Structure formats: C-alpha cells, structure tokens
N, C-alpha and C. Protein backbone atom coordinates (compact mmCIF):
# COMPACT_ATOMS: atom_id res chain seq x y z
N LYS A 1 67.19 -109.33 -38.22
CA LYS A 1 65.75 -109.11 -38.36
C LYS A 1 65.17 -108.43 -37.10
N LEU A 2 65.51 -108.96 -35.92
CA LEU A 2 65.05 -108.38 -34.66
C LEU A 2 65.53 -106.94 -34.53
N GLU A 3 66.77 -106.73 -34.91
CA GLU A 3 67.37 -105.39 -34.84
C GLU A 3 66.57 -104.42 -35.72
N GLU A 4 66.22 -104.86 -36.89
CA GLU A 4 65.43 -104.02 -37.81
C GLU A 4 64.06 -103.67 -37.20
N LYS A 5 63.44 -104.66 -36.56
CA LYS A 5 62.14 -104.46 -35.92
C LYS A 5 62.24 -103.38 -34.84
N ARG A 6 63.29 -103.57 -33.97
CA ARG A 6 63.51 -102.60 -32.88
C ARG A 6 63.72 -101.19 -33.45
N GLU A 7 64.54 -101.13 -34.47
CA GLU A 7 64.84 -99.83 -35.08
C GLU A 7 63.57 -99.18 -35.64
N SER A 8 62.74 -99.96 -36.34
CA SER A 8 61.51 -99.40 -36.90
C SER A 8 60.56 -98.96 -35.78
N LYS A 9 60.56 -99.71 -34.67
CA LYS A 9 59.72 -99.35 -33.52
C LYS A 9 60.17 -98.01 -32.95
N ARG A 10 61.51 -97.89 -32.76
CA ARG A 10 62.08 -96.64 -32.25
C ARG A 10 61.72 -95.47 -33.18
N GLU A 11 61.85 -95.74 -34.44
CA GLU A 11 61.55 -94.70 -35.45
C GLU A 11 60.09 -94.25 -35.34
N SER A 12 59.19 -95.21 -35.26
CA SER A 12 57.76 -94.87 -35.17
C SER A 12 57.48 -94.10 -33.88
N LYS A 13 58.17 -94.50 -32.78
CA LYS A 13 58.01 -93.78 -31.51
C LYS A 13 58.45 -92.33 -31.68
N ARG A 14 59.62 -92.16 -32.29
CA ARG A 14 60.15 -90.81 -32.53
C ARG A 14 59.16 -89.98 -33.36
N GLU A 15 58.63 -90.61 -34.40
CA GLU A 15 57.68 -89.92 -35.28
C GLU A 15 56.43 -89.49 -34.50
N SER A 16 55.89 -90.43 -33.71
CA SER A 16 54.67 -90.11 -32.96
C SER A 16 54.94 -89.01 -31.94
N LYS A 17 56.14 -89.06 -31.33
CA LYS A 17 56.52 -88.02 -30.37
C LYS A 17 56.57 -86.66 -31.06
N LYS A 18 57.17 -86.64 -32.24
CA LYS A 18 57.25 -85.40 -33.02
C LYS A 18 55.85 -84.89 -33.35
N ALA A 19 55.01 -85.83 -33.78
CA ALA A 19 53.64 -85.46 -34.16
C ALA A 19 52.89 -84.86 -32.97
N ARG A 20 53.05 -85.51 -31.79
CA ARG A 20 52.40 -85.00 -30.57
C ARG A 20 52.89 -83.59 -30.25
N LYS A 21 54.21 -83.42 -30.37
CA LYS A 21 54.81 -82.12 -30.08
C LYS A 21 54.24 -81.05 -31.02
N GLN A 22 54.15 -81.39 -32.30
CA GLN A 22 53.60 -80.46 -33.30
C GLN A 22 52.15 -80.12 -32.98
N ALA A 23 51.38 -81.16 -32.63
CA ALA A 23 49.96 -80.96 -32.31
C ALA A 23 49.82 -80.02 -31.11
N ARG A 24 50.66 -80.27 -30.09
CA ARG A 24 50.62 -79.42 -28.90
C ARG A 24 50.95 -77.97 -29.27
N LYS A 25 51.97 -77.82 -30.11
CA LYS A 25 52.39 -76.49 -30.56
C LYS A 25 51.23 -75.78 -31.27
N LYS A 26 50.58 -76.52 -32.17
CA LYS A 26 49.45 -75.97 -32.92
C LYS A 26 48.34 -75.54 -31.97
N GLU A 27 48.04 -76.41 -30.99
CA GLU A 27 46.98 -76.13 -30.03
C GLU A 27 47.29 -74.87 -29.23
N ILE A 28 48.54 -74.77 -28.80
CA ILE A 28 48.96 -73.58 -28.05
C ILE A 28 48.79 -72.33 -28.90
N GLU A 29 49.18 -72.42 -30.16
CA GLU A 29 49.06 -71.28 -31.08
C GLU A 29 47.60 -70.87 -31.24
N LYS A 30 46.74 -71.88 -31.42
CA LYS A 30 45.30 -71.61 -31.56
C LYS A 30 44.78 -70.90 -30.32
N GLU A 31 45.15 -71.43 -29.15
CA GLU A 31 44.71 -70.85 -27.88
C GLU A 31 45.16 -69.39 -27.77
N ARG A 32 46.41 -69.15 -28.14
CA ARG A 32 46.96 -67.79 -28.08
C ARG A 32 46.16 -66.85 -28.98
N LYS A 33 45.86 -67.33 -30.19
CA LYS A 33 45.07 -66.52 -31.12
C LYS A 33 43.70 -66.22 -30.54
N ARG A 34 43.09 -67.26 -29.95
CA ARG A 34 41.77 -67.10 -29.34
C ARG A 34 41.83 -66.03 -28.25
N GLU A 35 42.86 -66.12 -27.42
CA GLU A 35 43.02 -65.16 -26.32
C GLU A 35 43.17 -63.74 -26.85
N THR A 36 44.01 -63.58 -27.88
CA THR A 36 44.22 -62.23 -28.41
C THR A 36 42.91 -61.69 -29.00
N LYS A 37 42.15 -62.58 -29.64
CA LYS A 37 40.86 -62.18 -30.20
C LYS A 37 39.94 -61.70 -29.08
N LYS A 38 39.90 -62.48 -27.99
CA LYS A 38 39.07 -62.12 -26.84
C LYS A 38 39.48 -60.76 -26.30
N GLU A 39 40.78 -60.60 -26.14
CA GLU A 39 41.30 -59.33 -25.61
C GLU A 39 40.90 -58.17 -26.51
N ARG A 40 41.05 -58.37 -27.82
CA ARG A 40 40.71 -57.32 -28.78
C ARG A 40 39.24 -56.96 -28.65
N ARG A 41 38.40 -57.99 -28.58
CA ARG A 41 36.96 -57.75 -28.44
C ARG A 41 36.66 -56.96 -27.17
N LYS A 42 37.30 -57.38 -26.07
CA LYS A 42 37.08 -56.70 -24.79
C LYS A 42 37.48 -55.24 -24.91
N GLU A 43 38.64 -55.01 -25.50
CA GLU A 43 39.16 -53.65 -25.65
C GLU A 43 38.20 -52.81 -26.49
N GLU A 44 37.70 -53.39 -27.59
CA GLU A 44 36.76 -52.68 -28.45
C GLU A 44 35.48 -52.33 -27.67
N LYS A 45 35.03 -53.29 -26.88
CA LYS A 45 33.82 -53.07 -26.08
C LYS A 45 34.04 -51.91 -25.11
N ARG A 46 35.19 -51.95 -24.43
CA ARG A 46 35.52 -50.87 -23.48
C ARG A 46 35.53 -49.53 -24.20
N GLU A 47 36.13 -49.52 -25.38
CA GLU A 47 36.22 -48.28 -26.16
C GLU A 47 34.83 -47.76 -26.50
N ARG A 48 33.94 -48.67 -26.93
CA ARG A 48 32.56 -48.27 -27.25
C ARG A 48 31.87 -47.68 -26.01
N GLU A 49 32.07 -48.35 -24.86
CA GLU A 49 31.46 -47.86 -23.62
C GLU A 49 31.95 -46.46 -23.30
N ARG A 50 33.26 -46.26 -23.43
CA ARG A 50 33.82 -44.93 -23.15
C ARG A 50 33.19 -43.88 -24.06
N LYS A 51 33.06 -44.23 -25.33
CA LYS A 51 32.49 -43.31 -26.31
C LYS A 51 31.05 -42.95 -25.91
N LYS A 52 30.26 -43.96 -25.58
CA LYS A 52 28.87 -43.74 -25.17
C LYS A 52 28.83 -42.82 -23.95
N LYS A 53 29.72 -43.11 -23.00
CA LYS A 53 29.76 -42.32 -21.77
C LYS A 53 30.04 -40.85 -22.09
N ARG A 54 31.03 -40.63 -22.98
CA ARG A 54 31.38 -39.27 -23.38
C ARG A 54 30.18 -38.57 -24.01
N GLU A 55 29.49 -39.29 -24.91
CA GLU A 55 28.31 -38.73 -25.58
C GLU A 55 27.24 -38.34 -24.57
N ARG A 56 26.98 -39.27 -23.63
CA ARG A 56 25.97 -39.00 -22.60
C ARG A 56 26.34 -37.77 -21.79
N GLU A 57 27.62 -37.68 -21.45
CA GLU A 57 28.09 -36.54 -20.66
C GLU A 57 27.89 -35.23 -21.42
N LYS A 58 28.18 -35.25 -22.72
CA LYS A 58 27.98 -34.05 -23.55
C LYS A 58 26.51 -33.65 -23.54
N GLU A 59 25.63 -34.64 -23.72
CA GLU A 59 24.19 -34.37 -23.73
C GLU A 59 23.76 -33.75 -22.41
N ARG A 60 24.24 -34.35 -21.31
CA ARG A 60 23.89 -33.82 -19.99
C ARG A 60 24.33 -32.38 -19.85
N GLU A 61 25.55 -32.11 -20.32
CA GLU A 61 26.09 -30.76 -20.22
C GLU A 61 25.21 -29.78 -21.00
N LYS A 62 24.79 -30.18 -22.21
CA LYS A 62 23.90 -29.34 -23.02
C LYS A 62 22.61 -29.05 -22.26
N GLU A 63 22.04 -30.12 -21.68
CA GLU A 63 20.79 -29.97 -20.93
C GLU A 63 20.97 -29.00 -19.77
N ARG A 64 22.09 -29.17 -19.06
CA ARG A 64 22.37 -28.29 -17.92
C ARG A 64 22.42 -26.84 -18.36
N LYS A 65 23.12 -26.60 -19.48
CA LYS A 65 23.25 -25.23 -19.99
C LYS A 65 21.88 -24.66 -20.33
N LYS A 66 21.05 -25.47 -21.01
CA LYS A 66 19.71 -25.03 -21.37
C LYS A 66 18.92 -24.67 -20.12
N LYS A 67 18.98 -25.56 -19.13
CA LYS A 67 18.23 -25.33 -17.90
C LYS A 67 18.70 -24.06 -17.22
N ARG A 68 20.02 -23.86 -17.21
CA ARG A 68 20.56 -22.65 -16.58
C ARG A 68 19.99 -21.41 -17.25
N LYS A 69 20.01 -21.40 -18.58
CA LYS A 69 19.49 -20.25 -19.33
C LYS A 69 18.02 -20.04 -19.00
N LYS A 70 17.25 -21.12 -19.04
CA LYS A 70 15.82 -21.04 -18.78
C LYS A 70 15.57 -20.53 -17.37
N SER A 71 16.30 -21.09 -16.41
CA SER A 71 16.04 -20.71 -15.02
C SER A 71 16.38 -19.25 -14.80
N LYS A 72 17.43 -18.76 -15.44
CA LYS A 72 17.79 -17.36 -15.28
C LYS A 72 16.66 -16.46 -15.76
N SER A 73 16.17 -16.71 -16.97
CA SER A 73 15.10 -15.87 -17.52
C SER A 73 13.84 -16.06 -16.67
N GLY A 74 13.61 -17.27 -16.22
CA GLY A 74 12.45 -17.57 -15.39
C GLY A 74 12.52 -16.84 -14.07
N GLU A 75 13.73 -16.77 -13.50
CA GLU A 75 13.89 -16.08 -12.23
C GLU A 75 13.54 -14.61 -12.38
N ARG A 76 14.00 -14.00 -13.45
CA ARG A 76 13.71 -12.59 -13.68
C ARG A 76 12.19 -12.36 -13.73
N GLN A 77 11.54 -13.20 -14.53
CA GLN A 77 10.08 -13.06 -14.66
C GLN A 77 9.40 -13.32 -13.33
N ARG A 78 9.87 -14.38 -12.66
CA ARG A 78 9.28 -14.74 -11.38
C ARG A 78 9.42 -13.57 -10.40
N GLY A 79 10.60 -12.97 -10.42
CA GLY A 79 10.84 -11.83 -9.52
C GLY A 79 9.84 -10.73 -9.78
N ARG A 80 9.62 -10.41 -11.03
CA ARG A 80 8.67 -9.36 -11.39
C ARG A 80 7.27 -9.72 -10.92
N LYS A 81 6.90 -10.98 -11.23
CA LYS A 81 5.55 -11.43 -10.88
C LYS A 81 5.35 -11.34 -9.37
N GLU A 82 6.34 -11.85 -8.63
CA GLU A 82 6.21 -11.85 -7.18
C GLU A 82 6.13 -10.42 -6.66
N GLY A 83 6.90 -9.54 -7.27
CA GLY A 83 6.85 -8.13 -6.87
C GLY A 83 5.45 -7.58 -7.05
N ARG A 84 4.85 -7.89 -8.18
CA ARG A 84 3.49 -7.43 -8.46
C ARG A 84 2.52 -8.00 -7.44
N LYS A 85 2.69 -9.31 -7.18
CA LYS A 85 1.80 -9.98 -6.23
C LYS A 85 1.89 -9.30 -4.88
N GLU A 86 3.13 -9.07 -4.45
CA GLU A 86 3.32 -8.43 -3.15
C GLU A 86 2.60 -7.08 -3.12
N GLY A 87 2.80 -6.31 -4.19
CA GLY A 87 2.15 -5.00 -4.27
C GLY A 87 0.64 -5.12 -4.16
N ARG A 88 0.08 -6.09 -4.86
CA ARG A 88 -1.37 -6.29 -4.83
C ARG A 88 -1.82 -6.65 -3.43
N LYS A 89 -1.06 -7.59 -2.81
CA LYS A 89 -1.43 -8.02 -1.47
C LYS A 89 -1.45 -6.84 -0.52
N GLU A 90 -0.38 -6.06 -0.61
CA GLU A 90 -0.30 -4.88 0.27
C GLU A 90 -1.51 -3.97 0.03
N GLY A 91 -1.80 -3.73 -1.24
CA GLY A 91 -2.94 -2.88 -1.59
C GLY A 91 -4.23 -3.42 -1.01
N ARG A 92 -4.44 -4.72 -1.10
CA ARG A 92 -5.65 -5.34 -0.58
C ARG A 92 -5.73 -5.16 0.93
N LYS A 93 -4.58 -5.45 1.57
CA LYS A 93 -4.55 -5.33 3.03
C LYS A 93 -4.94 -3.91 3.45
N GLU A 94 -4.32 -2.97 2.76
CA GLU A 94 -4.62 -1.57 3.08
C GLU A 94 -6.11 -1.29 2.90
N GLY A 95 -6.63 -1.77 1.78
CA GLY A 95 -8.05 -1.56 1.48
C GLY A 95 -8.92 -2.18 2.56
N ARG A 96 -8.60 -3.36 3.03
CA ARG A 96 -9.38 -4.04 4.05
C ARG A 96 -9.35 -3.25 5.36
N LYS A 97 -8.12 -2.84 5.71
CA LYS A 97 -7.97 -2.10 6.96
C LYS A 97 -8.84 -0.84 6.94
N GLU A 98 -8.77 -0.16 5.83
CA GLU A 98 -9.56 1.07 5.70
C GLU A 98 -11.05 0.75 5.78
N GLY A 99 -11.44 -0.35 5.15
CA GLY A 99 -12.84 -0.76 5.15
C GLY A 99 -13.30 -1.06 6.56
N ARG A 100 -12.48 -1.68 7.38
CA ARG A 100 -12.82 -2.01 8.76
C ARG A 100 -13.00 -0.74 9.59
N LYS A 101 -12.08 0.18 9.36
CA LYS A 101 -12.11 1.42 10.15
C LYS A 101 -13.42 2.17 9.94
N GLU A 102 -13.87 2.13 8.71
CA GLU A 102 -15.09 2.90 8.40
C GLU A 102 -16.28 2.21 8.89
C-alpha cells in the first residue's frame, strides 16, 4: 500500500513537471511571436518613414526646379529693368548738370 502511494506521488510529480515544462514552452512561443510581431511593426513603420521621406524629397526637388526656372526668367527681366533704370538715372543726372550750368 505504501509503495503504491509513493508511486502515485512520483507519477503526479512527473506529470506536474511535464505540465510546467509545456507551459514554459508555450509561454516562450508566445513571447517569440510577440517579438516577431513587434519587429514586423517596427520594420513597417521604418518603411513608411522612408517612403514619406522620398516623397518629401521629390516635392522639394520639384519646387527647386520651379524656383530655378522662375529665377532665370526673373533675372532676365530684372536685368532689362535695371538697365532701363540706369539709363534713366544717367539721363536725369545729365539733365541736372546741364540745368545747373545754365
């Protein structure tokens, strides 16, 4: 009878040990899945950021090109205008000088 009791005790210990081992295994598996999910999310986030950055860079480049075109045409016009202004100024100066002399 005592022997049977001991044997059943050993058996229950073995069973509980197995159960604990299985539970630990399950927990580890869950943790691993959680980690991979986190990593995937992080990677997706990084990818989105890269995409946004690329888009922003493209937009900036477009703006730069537009500005370059505008500034070039603006410079030409500005050059003409300044040339005219200079001519006018010179004419005025000449007129003043002549007016003083007389």
